[in-house]
Amino acid sequence: MLVDCDRCAVRGDACGDCVITVLLGPPDPVEFDVAERRAIDALAEAGMVPQLRLVPTDSTERDETGAA
C-alpha cells in the first residue's frame, strides 16, 4: 500500500486524526507492506493510534483486499 498524502481526497480535514500524521507528521509518500499494514491496523484497533484515514483520489490506489 502506498500512502501519498498529496493524493488523499480528505487531506486537511482528516490529517489531524490520521495515523500517518500522528506517527510521522505530514510525510512524503509512505509505502507499507502487508505485515506493516496489519500492525498499524492492530494498533488502531487497540486504540493506540488513530485509523488510517486515507481516501485515495485515484480508485486504482487500492490494497489487495480492495480497501482504501
C-alpha atoms as a PDB file:
ATOM      1  CA  MET A   1       0.000   0.000   0.000  1.00  0.00           C
ATOM      2  CA  LEU A   2       1.360   3.390  -0.978  1.00  0.00           C
ATOM      3  CA  VAL A   3       0.196   6.270   1.209  1.00  0.00           C
ATOM      4  CA  ASP A   4       0.619   9.544  -0.664  1.00  0.00           C
ATOM      5  CA  CYS A   5      -0.957  12.337   1.363  1.00  0.00           C
ATOM      6  CA  ASP A   6      -0.882  14.648  -1.659  1.00  0.00           C
ATOM      7  CA  ARG A   7      -3.376  12.305  -3.358  1.00  0.00           C
ATOM      8  CA  CYS A   8      -5.770  11.922  -0.402  1.00  0.00           C
ATOM      9  CA  ALA A   9      -9.293  13.219  -1.011  1.00  0.00           C
ATOM     10  CA  VAL A  10      -9.753  14.197   2.660  1.00  0.00           C
ATOM     11  CA  ARG A  11      -6.329  15.775   3.183  1.00  0.00           C
ATOM     12  CA  GLY A  12      -6.502  18.640   5.628  1.00  0.00           C
ATOM     13  CA  ASP A  13      -9.881  17.698   7.077  1.00  0.00           C
ATOM     14  CA  ALA A  14      -8.748  14.258   8.300  1.00  0.00           C
ATOM     15  CA  CYS A  15      -4.988  14.784   8.780  1.00  0.00           C
ATOM     16  CA  GLY A  16      -5.145  15.530  12.495  1.00  0.00           C
ATOM     17  CA  ASP A  17      -6.909  12.237  13.129  1.00  0.00           C
ATOM     18  CA  CYS A  18      -4.867  10.014  10.776  1.00  0.00           C
ATOM     19  CA  VAL A  19      -2.241   7.501  11.888  1.00  0.00           C
ATOM     20  CA  ILE A  20       0.274   8.837   9.341  1.00  0.00           C
ATOM     21  CA  THR A  21       0.235  12.344  10.808  1.00  0.00           C
ATOM     22  CA  VAL A  22       0.315  11.013  14.377  1.00  0.00           C
ATOM     23  CA  LEU A  23       3.296   8.734  13.757  1.00  0.00           C
ATOM     24  CA  LEU A  24       5.278  10.654  11.144  1.00  0.00           C
ATOM     25  CA  GLY A  25       3.915  14.160  10.760  1.00  0.00           C
ATOM     26  CA  PRO A  26       2.944  15.274   7.252  1.00  0.00           C
ATOM     27  CA  PRO A  27       5.220  12.925   5.278  1.00  0.00           C
ATOM     28  CA  ASP A  28       6.381  12.244   1.802  1.00  0.00           C
ATOM     29  CA  PRO A  29       4.599   9.204   0.356  1.00  0.00           C
ATOM     30  CA  VAL A  30       4.927   6.162   2.620  1.00  0.00           C
ATOM     31  CA  GLU A  31       4.679   2.578   1.437  1.00  0.00           C
ATOM     32  CA  PHE A  32       3.510  -0.190   3.791  1.00  0.00           C
ATOM     33  CA  ASP A  33       3.802  -3.880   3.061  1.00  0.00           C
ATOM     34  CA  VAL A  34       1.055  -6.275   4.185  1.00  0.00           C
ATOM     35  CA  ALA A  35       2.696  -7.002   7.566  1.00  0.00           C
ATOM     36  CA  GLU A  36       3.159  -3.300   8.332  1.00  0.00           C
ATOM     37  CA  ARG A  37      -0.454  -2.558   7.382  1.00  0.00           C
ATOM     38  CA  ARG A  38      -1.664  -5.345   9.697  1.00  0.00           C
ATOM     39  CA  ALA A  39       0.470  -3.950  12.535  1.00  0.00           C
ATOM     40  CA  ILE A  40      -0.956  -0.444  12.083  1.00  0.00           C
ATOM     41  CA  ASP A  41      -4.485  -1.864  11.920  1.00  0.00           C
ATOM     42  CA  ALA A  42      -3.846  -3.785  15.172  1.00  0.00           C
ATOM     43  CA  LEU A  43      -2.540  -0.664  16.906  1.00  0.00           C
ATOM     44  CA  ALA A  44      -5.581   1.296  15.719  1.00  0.00           C
ATOM     45  CA  GLU A  45      -7.998  -1.409  16.855  1.00  0.00           C
ATOM     46  CA  ALA A  46      -6.357  -1.331  20.296  1.00  0.00           C
ATOM     47  CA  GLY A  47      -6.859   2.448  20.442  1.00  0.00           C
ATOM     48  CA  MET A  48      -3.128   3.170  20.484  1.00  0.00           C
ATOM     49  CA  VAL A  49      -3.095   5.200  17.242  1.00  0.00           C
ATOM     50  CA  PRO A  50      -5.852   6.600  15.014  1.00  0.00           C
ATOM     51  CA  GLN A  51      -7.071   4.677  11.972  1.00  0.00           C
ATOM     52  CA  LEU A  52      -5.521   5.332   8.572  1.00  0.00           C
ATOM     53  CA  ARG A  53      -7.902   7.920   7.123  1.00  0.00           C
ATOM     54  CA  LEU A  54      -6.525   7.862   3.567  1.00  0.00           C
ATOM     55  CA  VAL A  55      -9.154   8.207   0.851  1.00  0.00           C
ATOM     56  CA  PRO A  56      -7.266   7.927  -2.448  1.00  0.00           C
ATOM     57  CA  THR A  57      -8.400  10.293  -5.175  1.00  0.00           C
ATOM     58  CA  ASP A  58      -7.453   7.620  -7.734  1.00  0.00           C
ATOM     59  CA  SER A  59      -9.540   4.435  -7.430  1.00  0.00           C
ATOM     60  CA  THR A  60      -6.591   2.338  -8.642  1.00  0.00           C
ATOM     61  CA  GLU A  61      -4.790   3.050  -5.352  1.00  0.00           C
ATOM     62  CA  ARG A  62      -6.329   0.101  -3.506  1.00  0.00           C
ATOM     63  CA  ASP A  63      -4.682  -2.641  -1.493  1.00  0.00           C
ATOM     64  CA  GLU A  64      -5.104  -6.340  -2.247  1.00  0.00           C
ATOM     65  CA  THR A  65      -8.380  -6.525  -0.280  1.00  0.00           C
ATOM     66  CA  GLY A  66      -9.944  -3.707  -2.278  1.00  0.00           C
ATOM     67  CA  ALA A  67      -9.925  -1.342   0.691  1.00  0.00           C
ATOM     68  CA  ALA A  68      -8.547   2.145   0.524  1.00  0.00           C
END
